[in-house]
Amino acid sequence: MNNFNKMFSEKFNLQGNISSIPSSMVISQVKPKTSILDRSLSKGKGEVSLSCFALLFSELVQYCQNKVHTVPELQTKLGEMGQEVGIKLIDLYFMREKNGKREIKLLNMLLFIKTTLWKGLFGKEADKLEHANDDERIYYLIEKEPLVNKYISVPKDKGSLNCAMFIAGIIEAVLNTAGFTAKVTAHWHKGTTYMVTFDESVITKDKQLDER
């Protein structure tokens, strides 16, 4: 062993100075691996360019259009596509941003969608959140210029088409997966208005929580 130490020292000219060791021999500190769930959604810049998103979404609309025959069917198909996205998003957001804690209050959940979810998807909050005066089950999430409509040219024969039904599908899936059963539709009003109609059981449960 002494001979080995001597040979090793002579080969690399070790004299108590680690700088003599070739860089290939220096062991770097091992950094712990991090899970994708550990990364905050609120940090970092968006990685998808607008032009890339516009191309992908226009292809999605074209794909859906080839599967249906009418505007209502196309909007339903876009909503279904959005729901698939929303189902995958909800657990990711609650795990990263709220340490797995889910909202139990209806208004808090809507504000979570208006702020945290919207910022994560579009880089900004939704413009407004309103409550219907004549029906306590209905809320309106308002966006003046949805990104999904910005680069879509709607033909005259499909003038009622609102591609924001894709976003309505995301909202609906997020709410339903979180336990707030609702139906969400997109309408041309103040830009685009997402009408969120909650099941009566959701309203009843929310009132019971207020009474505690």
C-alpha atoms as a PDB file:
ATOM      1  CA  MET A   1       0.000   0.000   0.000  1.00  0.00           C
ATOM      2  CA  ASN A   2       2.906   2.353   0.800  1.00  0.00           C
ATOM      3  CA  ASN A   3       4.414   1.665  -2.624  1.00  0.00           C
ATOM      4  CA  PHE A   4       1.063   2.416  -4.260  1.00  0.00           C
ATOM      5  CA  ASN A   5       0.790   5.734  -2.376  1.00  0.00           C
ATOM      6  CA  LYS A   6       4.321   6.636  -3.409  1.00  0.00           C
ATOM      7  CA  MET A   7       3.679   5.781  -7.070  1.00  0.00           C
ATOM      8  CA  PHE A   8       0.371   7.712  -7.042  1.00  0.00           C
ATOM      9  CA  SER A   9       2.067  10.764  -5.470  1.00  0.00           C
ATOM     10  CA  GLU A  10       4.943  10.705  -7.928  1.00  0.00           C
ATOM     11  CA  LYS A  11       2.632  10.283 -10.936  1.00  0.00           C
ATOM     12  CA  PHE A  12       0.463  13.297 -10.074  1.00  0.00           C
ATOM     13  CA  ASN A  13       3.155  15.212  -8.137  1.00  0.00           C
ATOM     14  CA  LEU A  14       0.971  15.403  -5.020  1.00  0.00           C
ATOM     15  CA  GLN A  15       2.398  17.624  -2.326  1.00  0.00           C
ATOM     16  CA  GLY A  16      -0.698  18.381  -0.300  1.00  0.00           C
ATOM     17  CA  ASN A  17      -2.071  20.489  -3.152  1.00  0.00           C
ATOM     18  CA  ILE A  18      -5.297  19.292  -4.765  1.00  0.00           C
ATOM     19  CA  SER A  19      -4.723  21.636  -7.701  1.00  0.00           C
ATOM     20  CA  SER A  20      -2.134  19.145  -8.959  1.00  0.00           C
ATOM     21  CA  ILE A  21      -4.846  16.552  -9.566  1.00  0.00           C
ATOM     22  CA  PRO A  22      -6.091  16.478 -13.153  1.00  0.00           C
ATOM     23  CA  SER A  23      -9.558  17.893 -13.575  1.00  0.00           C
ATOM     24  CA  SER A  24     -10.800  14.470 -14.626  1.00  0.00           C
ATOM     25  CA  MET A  25      -9.893  13.152 -11.167  1.00  0.00           C
ATOM     26  CA  VAL A  26     -11.741  15.845  -9.171  1.00  0.00           C
ATOM     27  CA  ILE A  27     -15.062  14.601  -7.825  1.00  0.00           C
ATOM     28  CA  SER A  28     -17.799  17.211  -8.065  1.00  0.00           C
ATOM     29  CA  GLN A  29     -20.545  17.555  -5.499  1.00  0.00           C
ATOM     30  CA  VAL A  30     -23.580  15.466  -6.366  1.00  0.00           C
ATOM     31  CA  LYS A  31     -26.753  17.548  -6.486  1.00  0.00           C
ATOM     32  CA  PRO A  32     -29.997  15.924  -5.326  1.00  0.00           C
ATOM     33  CA  LYS A  33     -32.442  15.145  -8.092  1.00  0.00           C
ATOM     34  CA  THR A  34     -35.610  17.219  -8.204  1.00  0.00           C
ATOM     35  CA  SER A  35     -38.998  16.118  -9.412  1.00  0.00           C
ATOM     36  CA  ILE A  36     -40.989  18.076 -11.993  1.00  0.00           C
ATOM     37  CA  LEU A  37     -43.574  18.592  -9.248  1.00  0.00           C
ATOM     38  CA  ASP A  38     -40.980  20.540  -7.224  1.00  0.00           C
ATOM     39  CA  ARG A  39     -40.744  23.308  -9.808  1.00  0.00           C
ATOM     40  CA  SER A  40     -42.936  26.330  -9.229  1.00  0.00           C
ATOM     41  CA  LEU A  41     -45.392  27.182 -11.985  1.00  0.00           C
ATOM     42  CA  SER A  42     -45.116  30.862 -11.118  1.00  0.00           C
ATOM     43  CA  LYS A  43     -41.404  31.033 -11.930  1.00  0.00           C
ATOM     44  CA  GLY A  44     -39.640  31.136 -15.236  1.00  0.00           C
ATOM     45  CA  LYS A  45     -40.577  32.374 -18.664  1.00  0.00           C
ATOM     46  CA  GLY A  46     -43.017  30.686 -20.987  1.00  0.00           C
ATOM     47  CA  GLU A  47     -41.336  28.183 -23.269  1.00  0.00           C
ATOM     48  CA  VAL A  48     -43.855  28.155 -26.134  1.00  0.00           C
ATOM     49  CA  SER A  49     -43.815  31.033 -28.620  1.00  0.00           C
ATOM     50  CA  LEU A  50     -47.090  32.598 -29.732  1.00  0.00           C
ATOM     51  CA  SER A  51     -46.462  31.588 -33.338  1.00  0.00           C
ATOM     52  CA  CYS A  52     -45.907  27.982 -32.299  1.00  0.00           C
ATOM     53  CA  PHE A  53     -49.035  27.984 -30.133  1.00  0.00           C
ATOM     54  CA  ALA A  54     -51.094  29.573 -32.921  1.00  0.00           C
ATOM     55  CA  LEU A  55     -49.971  26.898 -35.370  1.00  0.00           C
ATOM     56  CA  LEU A  56     -50.674  24.039 -32.972  1.00  0.00           C
ATOM     57  CA  PHE A  57     -54.080  25.362 -31.963  1.00  0.00           C
ATOM     58  CA  SER A  58     -55.154  26.043 -35.544  1.00  0.00           C
ATOM     59  CA  GLU A  59     -54.228  22.452 -36.377  1.00  0.00           C
ATOM     60  CA  LEU A  60     -56.287  21.274 -33.399  1.00  0.00           C
ATOM     61  CA  VAL A  61     -59.300  23.256 -34.613  1.00  0.00           C
ATOM     62  CA  GLN A  62     -58.866  21.835 -38.120  1.00  0.00           C
ATOM     63  CA  TYR A  63     -58.631  18.319 -36.707  1.00  0.00           C
ATOM     64  CA  CYS A  64     -61.839  18.781 -34.708  1.00  0.00           C
ATOM     65  CA  GLN A  65     -63.600  20.360 -37.688  1.00  0.00           C
ATOM     66  CA  ASN A  66     -62.857  17.301 -39.808  1.00  0.00           C
ATOM     67  CA  LYS A  67     -64.586  15.117 -37.215  1.00  0.00           C
ATOM     68  CA  VAL A  68     -67.903  17.011 -37.099  1.00  0.00           C
ATOM     69  CA  HIS A  69     -70.534  18.589 -39.353  1.00  0.00           C
ATOM     70  CA  THR A  70     -71.971  21.577 -37.454  1.00  0.00           C
ATOM     71  CA  VAL A  71     -70.712  24.523 -35.374  1.00  0.00           C
ATOM     72  CA  PRO A  72     -72.304  23.226 -32.123  1.00  0.00           C
ATOM     73  CA  GLU A  73     -70.614  19.862 -32.689  1.00  0.00           C
ATOM     74  CA  LEU A  74     -67.277  21.588 -33.315  1.00  0.00           C
ATOM     75  CA  GLN A  75     -67.578  23.611 -30.103  1.00  0.00           C
ATOM     76  CA  THR A  76     -68.478  20.454 -28.174  1.00  0.00           C
ATOM     77  CA  LYS A  77     -65.418  18.713 -29.601  1.00  0.00           C
ATOM     78  CA  LEU A  78     -63.151  21.631 -28.642  1.00  0.00           C
ATOM     79  CA  GLY A  79     -64.616  21.555 -25.135  1.00  0.00           C
ATOM     80  CA  GLU A  80     -63.855  17.843 -24.849  1.00  0.00           C
ATOM     81  CA  MET A  81     -60.261  18.478 -25.919  1.00  0.00           C
ATOM     82  CA  GLY A  82     -59.969  21.205 -23.297  1.00  0.00           C
ATOM     83  CA  GLN A  83     -61.307  18.869 -20.623  1.00  0.00           C
ATOM     84  CA  GLU A  84     -58.514  16.408 -21.332  1.00  0.00           C
ATOM     85  CA  VAL A  85     -56.016  19.197 -20.664  1.00  0.00           C
ATOM     86  CA  GLY A  86     -57.807  20.404 -17.520  1.00  0.00           C
ATOM     87  CA  ILE A  87     -57.846  16.956 -15.928  1.00  0.00           C
ATOM     88  CA  LYS A  88     -54.072  16.763 -16.245  1.00  0.00           C
ATOM     89  CA  LEU A  89     -53.502  20.304 -14.957  1.00  0.00           C
ATOM     90  CA  ILE A  90     -55.423  20.262 -11.687  1.00  0.00           C
ATOM     91  CA  ASP A  91     -53.232  17.868  -9.686  1.00  0.00           C
ATOM     92  CA  LEU A  92     -50.080  19.520 -11.017  1.00  0.00           C
ATOM     93  CA  TYR A  93     -51.177  22.970  -9.862  1.00  0.00           C
ATOM     94  CA  PHE A  94     -52.372  21.908  -6.429  1.00  0.00           C
ATOM     95  CA  MET A  95     -49.221  19.859  -5.808  1.00  0.00           C
ATOM     96  CA  ARG A  96     -46.850  22.663  -6.817  1.00  0.00           C
ATOM     97  CA  GLU A  97     -48.601  25.808  -5.690  1.00  0.00           C
ATOM     98  CA  LYS A  98     -50.613  24.664  -2.677  1.00  0.00           C
ATOM     99  CA  ASN A  99     -48.616  21.686  -1.368  1.00  0.00           C
ATOM    100  CA  GLY A 100     -51.419  19.308  -2.255  1.00  0.00           C
ATOM    101  CA  LYS A 101     -54.061  21.304  -0.381  1.00  0.00           C
ATOM    102  CA  ARG A 102     -57.299  21.659  -2.348  1.00  0.00           C
ATOM    103  CA  GLU A 103     -59.780  24.505  -2.138  1.00  0.00           C
ATOM    104  CA  ILE A 104     -63.097  23.711  -0.445  1.00  0.00           C
ATOM    105  CA  LYS A 105     -64.779  27.119  -0.824  1.00  0.00           C
ATOM    106  CA  LEU A 106     -66.441  27.900  -4.135  1.00  0.00           C
ATOM    107  CA  LEU A 107     -65.286  31.516  -4.395  1.00  0.00           C
ATOM    108  CA  ASN A 108     -61.705  30.618  -3.467  1.00  0.00           C
ATOM    109  CA  MET A 109     -61.693  27.994  -6.203  1.00  0.00           C
ATOM    110  CA  LEU A 110     -62.937  30.481  -8.791  1.00  0.00           C
ATOM    111  CA  LEU A 111     -60.299  33.005  -7.717  1.00  0.00           C
ATOM    112  CA  PHE A 112     -57.660  30.277  -8.009  1.00  0.00           C
ATOM    113  CA  ILE A 113     -58.741  29.746 -11.627  1.00  0.00           C
ATOM    114  CA  LYS A 114     -58.871  33.497 -12.363  1.00  0.00           C
ATOM    115  CA  THR A 115     -55.385  34.120 -10.988  1.00  0.00           C
ATOM    116  CA  THR A 116     -53.041  31.151 -10.554  1.00  0.00           C
ATOM    117  CA  LEU A 117     -54.375  28.922 -13.317  1.00  0.00           C
ATOM    118  CA  TRP A 118     -54.754  31.781 -15.818  1.00  0.00           C
ATOM    119  CA  LYS A 119     -51.259  33.098 -15.118  1.00  0.00           C
ATOM    120  CA  GLY A 120     -49.804  29.641 -15.593  1.00  0.00           C
ATOM    121  CA  LEU A 121     -51.583  29.165 -18.909  1.00  0.00           C
ATOM    122  CA  PHE A 122     -51.574  32.664 -20.396  1.00  0.00           C
ATOM    123  CA  GLY A 123     -49.117  34.733 -18.356  1.00  0.00           C
ATOM    124  CA  LYS A 124     -51.792  37.009 -16.873  1.00  0.00           C
ATOM    125  CA  GLU A 125     -54.977  36.943 -14.810  1.00  0.00           C
ATOM    126  CA  ALA A 126     -58.413  36.704 -16.400  1.00  0.00           C
ATOM    127  CA  ASP A 127     -59.990  40.158 -16.713  1.00  0.00           C
ATOM    128  CA  LYS A 128     -63.079  39.813 -14.494  1.00  0.00           C
ATOM    129  CA  LEU A 129     -65.059  37.459 -12.289  1.00  0.00           C
ATOM    130  CA  GLU A 130     -68.740  38.271 -11.805  1.00  0.00           C
ATOM    131  CA  HIS A 131     -71.714  36.648 -10.059  1.00  0.00           C
ATOM    132  CA  ALA A 132     -75.108  36.563 -11.783  1.00  0.00           C
ATOM    133  CA  ASN A 133     -77.769  38.697 -10.086  1.00  0.00           C
ATOM    134  CA  ASP A 134     -80.676  36.416 -10.916  1.00  0.00           C
ATOM    135  CA  ASP A 135     -79.156  32.962 -10.348  1.00  0.00           C
ATOM    136  CA  GLU A 136     -76.817  32.130  -7.469  1.00  0.00           C
ATOM    137  CA  ARG A 137     -75.527  29.079  -9.338  1.00  0.00           C
ATOM    138  CA  ILE A 138     -74.033  31.130 -12.190  1.00  0.00           C
ATOM    139  CA  TYR A 139     -70.688  32.941 -12.315  1.00  0.00           C
ATOM    140  CA  TYR A 140     -69.040  34.696 -15.253  1.00  0.00           C
ATOM    141  CA  LEU A 141     -65.320  34.634 -15.985  1.00  0.00           C
ATOM    142  CA  ILE A 142     -64.603  37.359 -18.537  1.00  0.00           C
ATOM    143  CA  GLU A 143     -61.664  37.677 -20.917  1.00  0.00           C
ATOM    144  CA  LYS A 144     -61.586  40.493 -23.450  1.00  0.00           C
ATOM    145  CA  GLU A 145     -59.278  38.797 -25.934  1.00  0.00           C
ATOM    146  CA  PRO A 146     -58.695  35.066 -25.394  1.00  0.00           C
ATOM    147  CA  LEU A 147     -55.416  33.873 -26.832  1.00  0.00           C
ATOM    148  CA  VAL A 148     -57.168  30.977 -28.566  1.00  0.00           C
ATOM    149  CA  ASN A 149     -59.283  33.412 -30.620  1.00  0.00           C
ATOM    150  CA  LYS A 150     -56.527  35.891 -31.407  1.00  0.00           C
ATOM    151  CA  TYR A 151     -55.124  34.033 -34.407  1.00  0.00           C
ATOM    152  CA  ILE A 152     -58.246  32.204 -35.585  1.00  0.00           C
ATOM    153  CA  SER A 153     -60.145  33.550 -38.585  1.00  0.00           C
ATOM    154  CA  VAL A 154     -63.756  32.336 -38.408  1.00  0.00           C
ATOM    155  CA  PRO A 155     -65.474  31.824 -41.809  1.00  0.00           C
ATOM    156  CA  LYS A 156     -68.774  33.619 -42.379  1.00  0.00           C
ATOM    157  CA  ASP A 157     -70.691  30.352 -42.466  1.00  0.00           C
ATOM    158  CA  LYS A 158     -69.377  29.599 -38.968  1.00  0.00           C
ATOM    159  CA  GLY A 159     -69.865  33.079 -37.523  1.00  0.00           C
ATOM    160  CA  SER A 160     -71.157  31.827 -34.164  1.00  0.00           C
ATOM    161  CA  LEU A 161     -68.087  29.664 -33.574  1.00  0.00           C
ATOM    162  CA  ASN A 162     -66.121  30.541 -30.437  1.00  0.00           C
ATOM    163  CA  CYS A 163     -62.908  28.529 -30.181  1.00  0.00           C
ATOM    164  CA  ALA A 164     -62.642  29.576 -26.530  1.00  0.00           C
ATOM    165  CA  MET A 165     -64.837  26.537 -25.859  1.00  0.00           C
ATOM    166  CA  PHE A 166     -61.458  24.831 -25.581  1.00  0.00           C
ATOM    167  CA  ILE A 167     -60.699  27.004 -22.538  1.00  0.00           C
ATOM    168  CA  ALA A 168     -64.231  26.437 -21.221  1.00  0.00           C
ATOM    169  CA  GLY A 169     -63.438  22.726 -21.303  1.00  0.00           C
ATOM    170  CA  ILE A 170     -60.279  23.282 -19.255  1.00  0.00           C
ATOM    171  CA  ILE A 171     -62.212  25.287 -16.641  1.00  0.00           C
ATOM    172  CA  GLU A 172     -64.977  22.687 -16.452  1.00  0.00           C
ATOM    173  CA  ALA A 173     -62.543  19.805 -15.965  1.00  0.00           C
ATOM    174  CA  VAL A 174     -60.597  21.686 -13.289  1.00  0.00           C
ATOM    175  CA  LEU A 175     -63.792  22.468 -11.356  1.00  0.00           C
ATOM    176  CA  ASN A 176     -65.279  18.987 -11.674  1.00  0.00           C
ATOM    177  CA  THR A 177     -62.036  17.250 -10.728  1.00  0.00           C
ATOM    178  CA  ALA A 178     -61.752  19.508  -7.664  1.00  0.00           C
ATOM    179  CA  GLY A 179     -65.270  18.546  -6.550  1.00  0.00           C
ATOM    180  CA  PHE A 180     -67.175  21.598  -7.822  1.00  0.00           C
ATOM    181  CA  THR A 181     -69.571  20.036 -10.320  1.00  0.00           C
ATOM    182  CA  ALA A 182     -70.298  22.575 -13.051  1.00  0.00           C
ATOM    183  CA  LYS A 183     -71.026  23.132 -16.724  1.00  0.00           C
ATOM    184  CA  VAL A 184     -68.938  25.777 -18.504  1.00  0.00           C
ATOM    185  CA  THR A 185     -69.722  27.375 -21.867  1.00  0.00           C
ATOM    186  CA  ALA A 186     -68.088  30.190 -23.865  1.00  0.00           C
ATOM    187  CA  HIS A 187     -70.080  33.120 -25.265  1.00  0.00           C
ATOM    188  CA  TRP A 188     -69.354  36.242 -27.339  1.00  0.00           C
ATOM    189  CA  HIS A 189     -69.996  38.899 -24.677  1.00  0.00           C
ATOM    190  CA  LYS A 190     -67.562  41.579 -23.448  1.00  0.00           C
ATOM    191  CA  GLY A 191     -64.991  39.765 -25.552  1.00  0.00           C
ATOM    192  CA  THR A 192     -65.530  36.207 -24.389  1.00  0.00           C
ATOM    193  CA  THR A 193     -67.496  35.291 -21.286  1.00  0.00           C
ATOM    194  CA  TYR A 194     -67.201  31.849 -19.726  1.00  0.00           C
ATOM    195  CA  MET A 195     -70.521  31.047 -18.077  1.00  0.00           C
ATOM    196  CA  VAL A 196     -69.993  28.704 -15.135  1.00  0.00           C
ATOM    197  CA  THR A 197     -73.194  27.030 -13.955  1.00  0.00           C
ATOM    198  CA  PHE A 198     -72.716  25.061 -10.749  1.00  0.00           C
ATOM    199  CA  ASP A 199     -74.790  22.107  -9.677  1.00  0.00           C
ATOM    200  CA  GLU A 200     -77.264  22.946  -6.905  1.00  0.00           C
ATOM    201  CA  SER A 201     -75.447  20.550  -4.559  1.00  0.00           C
ATOM    202  CA  VAL A 202     -72.290  22.680  -4.827  1.00  0.00           C
ATOM    203  CA  ILE A 203     -74.172  25.814  -3.746  1.00  0.00           C
ATOM    204  CA  THR A 204     -75.810  23.968  -0.842  1.00  0.00           C
ATOM    205  CA  LYS A 205     -72.477  22.615   0.371  1.00  0.00           C
ATOM    206  CA  ASP A 206     -70.867  26.052   0.138  1.00  0.00           C
ATOM    207  CA  LYS A 207     -73.634  27.588   2.260  1.00  0.00           C
ATOM    208  CA  GLN A 208     -73.168  24.884   4.873  1.00  0.00           C
ATOM    209  CA  LEU A 209     -69.468  25.717   5.090  1.00  0.00           C
ATOM    210  CA  ASP A 210     -70.353  29.383   5.660  1.00  0.00           C
ATOM    211  CA  GLU A 211     -72.598  28.428   8.577  1.00  0.00           C
ATOM    212  CA  ARG A 212     -69.861  26.597  10.450  1.00  0.00           C
END
